[in-house]
């Protein structure tokens, strides 16, 4: 899933003139090196293009999905995810797709993603839930921070027999520059129907 998500995201970035094909090819080579080193947080072609190669800004990708796809934006650092969602979350799938289901309202699921432009990511989550999804864009940093805190929470919960909020520890160990997250602006989120 990780390779497919990255490959289709890269193709969408090129198709929408957000990056050049030659830059994507270099980023794909670098992604293979990162994957060989088993570094989940850095296993992202978007991160390589934006923060190592500096050929696209993550803000520009988010702005594109807001304007052209109708997705909203969300910052999960200030969002209290329900226990139901956190307990049922497949963290490996979240890392592979750079996406996090963060809420559910009746028959709708709310998913934050840095990979909205990857059809493989949208299709995966639509099949996973078999329900309508309201999509929100967010930064790689926000997704990575959320997942690392969730993993720490799961470890601590197992060790202590209790639970705590995944948002209790401030700060970030992200490889991405501080302050790289765009300002969250209100937008009408993009809903998608489940895959047939």
Protein backbone atom coordinates (compact mmCIF):
# COMPACT_ATOMS: atom_id res chain seq x y z
CA UNK A 1 0.00 0.00 0.00
CA UNK A 2 2.81 2.42 0.88
CA UNK A 3 4.42 2.19 -2.56
CA UNK A 4 1.11 2.45 -4.40
CA UNK A 5 0.03 5.47 -2.32
CA UNK A 6 3.34 7.24 -3.01
CA UNK A 7 3.42 6.30 -6.70
CA UNK A 8 -0.09 7.59 -7.36
CA UNK A 9 0.44 10.72 -5.28
CA UNK A 10 3.59 11.46 -7.29
CA UNK A 11 1.72 10.96 -10.55
CA UNK A 12 -1.03 13.33 -9.39
CA UNK A 13 1.53 15.96 -8.39
CA UNK A 14 3.05 15.78 -11.89
CA UNK A 15 -0.35 15.69 -13.63
CA UNK A 16 -1.43 18.82 -11.76
CA UNK A 17 1.84 20.63 -12.53
CA UNK A 18 2.86 20.81 -8.87
CA UNK A 19 6.21 19.06 -9.54
CA UNK A 20 8.29 18.14 -12.57
CA UNK A 21 8.66 14.53 -13.68
CA UNK A 22 12.45 14.60 -13.26
CA UNK A 23 12.08 15.80 -9.66
CA UNK A 24 9.59 13.03 -8.95
CA UNK A 25 12.00 10.43 -10.35
CA UNK A 26 14.76 11.67 -8.02
CA UNK A 27 12.34 11.66 -5.07
CA UNK A 28 11.27 8.09 -5.87
CA UNK A 29 14.91 6.97 -5.80
CA UNK A 30 15.37 8.66 -2.43
CA UNK A 31 12.13 7.07 -1.16
CA UNK A 32 13.55 3.61 -1.89
CA UNK A 33 16.59 4.46 0.25
CA UNK A 34 14.36 5.63 3.10
CA UNK A 35 12.22 2.49 2.86
CA UNK A 36 15.33 0.31 3.02
CA UNK A 37 16.25 2.08 6.29
CA UNK A 38 12.74 1.31 7.66
CA UNK A 39 11.98 4.91 8.67
CA UNK A 40 8.17 5.17 8.70
CA UNK A 41 8.06 8.88 9.48
CA UNK A 42 10.23 9.72 6.48
CA UNK A 43 8.64 7.24 4.05
CA UNK A 44 6.85 9.88 2.04
CA UNK A 45 7.52 11.09 -1.47
CA UNK A 46 5.74 14.35 -0.58
CA UNK A 47 8.09 14.90 2.36
CA UNK A 48 11.12 14.26 0.18
CA UNK A 49 9.87 16.64 -2.53
CA UNK A 50 8.90 19.36 -0.06
CA UNK A 51 11.51 19.19 2.68
CA UNK A 52 14.61 17.54 1.19
CA UNK A 53 14.46 18.66 -2.43
CA UNK A 54 12.37 21.79 -1.80
CA UNK A 55 10.67 21.61 -5.22
CA UNK A 56 7.12 21.99 -3.88
CA UNK A 57 5.67 23.49 -0.72
CA UNK A 58 3.26 21.39 1.28
CA UNK A 59 1.15 24.55 1.69
CA UNK A 60 0.76 24.71 -2.10
CA UNK A 61 -0.43 21.09 -2.27
CA UNK A 62 -2.97 21.73 0.50
CA UNK A 63 -4.15 24.92 -1.17
CA UNK A 64 -4.58 22.99 -4.41
CA UNK A 65 -6.81 20.32 -2.82
CA UNK A 66 -8.90 22.97 -1.08
CA UNK A 67 -9.43 24.96 -4.28
CA UNK A 68 -9.71 22.18 -6.85
CA UNK A 69 -11.07 19.24 -4.85
CA UNK A 70 -13.18 20.97 -2.20
CA UNK A 71 -11.46 19.31 0.76
CA UNK A 72 -11.32 21.12 4.09
CA UNK A 73 -8.27 21.45 6.35
CA UNK A 74 -7.84 20.16 9.90
CA UNK A 75 -5.16 20.34 12.58
CA UNK A 76 -5.40 17.20 14.71
CA UNK A 77 -3.14 18.62 17.42
CA UNK A 78 -6.20 20.34 18.85
CA UNK A 79 -8.70 17.56 18.24
CA UNK A 80 -9.79 14.98 20.80
CA UNK A 81 -10.35 11.75 18.90
CA UNK A 82 -12.94 9.33 20.28
CA UNK A 83 -11.77 6.14 22.02
CA UNK A 84 -13.80 4.11 19.50
CA UNK A 85 -11.76 5.51 16.59
CA UNK A 86 -8.38 5.29 18.37
CA UNK A 87 -8.88 1.69 19.50
CA UNK A 88 -9.91 0.46 16.05
CA UNK A 89 -7.19 2.33 14.15
CA UNK A 90 -4.76 0.36 11.98
CA UNK A 91 -1.63 2.43 12.62
CA UNK A 92 0.32 0.66 9.86
CA UNK A 93 -2.33 1.57 7.30
CA UNK A 94 -2.30 5.14 8.58
CA UNK A 95 1.48 5.40 8.09
CA UNK A 96 1.25 3.78 4.64
CA UNK A 97 -1.45 6.20 3.49
CA UNK A 98 -0.46 9.26 5.52
CA UNK A 99 -4.08 9.42 6.67
CA UNK A 100 -5.90 9.29 10.00
CA UNK A 101 -9.59 8.59 10.58
CA UNK A 102 -10.39 10.98 13.41
CA UNK A 103 -14.16 11.04 13.87
CA UNK A 104 -17.43 9.41 12.97
CA UNK A 105 -20.88 10.94 12.81
CA UNK A 106 -23.66 8.49 12.05
CA UNK A 107 -22.78 7.05 8.62
CA UNK A 108 -19.91 9.46 7.88
CA UNK A 109 -16.23 9.01 8.71
CA UNK A 110 -13.88 11.98 8.90
CA UNK A 111 -10.35 11.37 7.63
CA UNK A 112 -7.38 13.74 7.71
CA UNK A 113 -4.77 13.06 5.05
CA UNK A 114 -1.65 14.47 3.48
CA UNK A 115 -2.21 12.16 0.51
CA UNK A 116 -5.64 13.20 -0.74
CA UNK A 117 -4.36 13.42 -4.33
CA UNK A 118 -3.53 9.69 -4.30
CA UNK A 119 -6.54 7.74 -5.62
CA UNK A 120 -5.10 4.63 -3.94
CA UNK A 121 -5.39 6.28 -0.54
CA UNK A 122 -8.99 7.40 -1.02
CA UNK A 123 -9.99 4.02 -2.42
CA UNK A 124 -8.32 2.15 0.44
CA UNK A 125 -10.19 4.06 3.15
CA UNK A 126 -13.50 3.97 1.26
CA UNK A 127 -13.24 0.16 1.05
CA UNK A 128 -12.05 -0.04 4.66
CA UNK A 129 -15.14 1.68 6.04
CA UNK A 130 -17.75 1.06 3.34
CA UNK A 131 -19.32 4.40 4.24
CA UNK A 132 -19.21 7.99 3.10
CA UNK A 133 -16.01 9.82 3.98
CA UNK A 134 -15.52 13.51 4.66
CA UNK A 135 -11.93 14.30 3.64
CA UNK A 136 -9.69 16.90 5.24
CA UNK A 137 -6.20 17.89 4.21
CA UNK A 138 -3.44 18.27 6.76
CA UNK A 139 0.34 18.34 6.88
CA UNK A 140 2.72 15.41 7.09
CA UNK A 141 3.92 16.81 10.40
CA UNK A 142 0.43 16.71 11.91
CA UNK A 143 -0.17 13.13 10.73
CA UNK A 144 3.23 11.93 11.98
CA UNK A 145 2.87 13.65 15.37
CA UNK A 146 -0.61 12.17 15.80
CA UNK A 147 0.53 8.64 14.93
CA UNK A 148 3.62 8.78 17.13
CA UNK A 149 1.54 10.00 20.06
CA UNK A 150 -1.05 7.31 19.39
CA UNK A 151 1.66 4.62 19.34
CA UNK A 152 3.13 5.97 22.59
CA UNK A 153 -0.34 6.01 24.12
CA UNK A 154 -0.92 2.39 23.13
CA UNK A 155 2.42 1.32 24.64
CA UNK A 156 1.81 3.28 27.85
CA UNK A 157 -1.74 1.96 28.08
CA UNK A 158 -0.56 -1.64 27.83
CA UNK A 159 2.24 -1.05 30.34
CA UNK A 160 0.09 0.73 32.93
CA UNK A 161 -3.26 -0.87 32.29
CA UNK A 162 -4.79 2.62 31.84
CA UNK A 163 -5.21 5.18 29.13
CA UNK A 164 -4.17 8.75 28.49
CA UNK A 165 -4.74 11.26 25.74
CA UNK A 166 -2.36 10.93 22.76
CA UNK A 167 -2.06 14.72 22.84
CA UNK A 168 -0.60 15.13 26.33
CA UNK A 169 3.01 15.67 25.26
CA UNK A 170 3.69 19.00 23.49
CA UNK A 171 6.34 19.43 20.80
CA UNK A 172 7.40 17.46 17.78
CA UNK A 173 10.32 15.30 16.72
CA UNK A 174 9.41 15.82 13.10
CA UNK A 175 12.11 15.96 10.46
CA UNK A 176 10.10 18.78 8.95
CA UNK A 177 10.76 22.41 9.87
CA UNK A 178 8.78 23.92 12.72
CA UNK A 179 6.04 26.21 11.55
CA UNK A 180 5.72 24.45 8.19
CA UNK A 181 2.05 23.70 8.77
CA UNK A 182 -0.24 26.06 6.90
CA UNK A 183 -2.83 28.06 8.74
CA UNK A 184 -6.05 26.11 8.97
CA UNK A 185 -8.72 27.85 6.97
CA UNK A 186 -12.39 26.99 6.95
CA UNK A 187 -13.50 25.18 3.85
CA UNK A 188 -16.32 22.89 2.88
CA UNK A 189 -14.89 19.39 3.14
CA UNK A 190 -15.03 16.96 0.27
CA UNK A 191 -17.27 13.93 0.82
CA UNK A 192 -16.92 10.74 -1.13
CA UNK A 193 -19.28 7.85 -1.48
CA UNK A 194 -18.10 4.35 -0.66
CA UNK A 195 -16.49 2.36 -3.45
CA UNK A 196 -18.87 0.06 -5.26
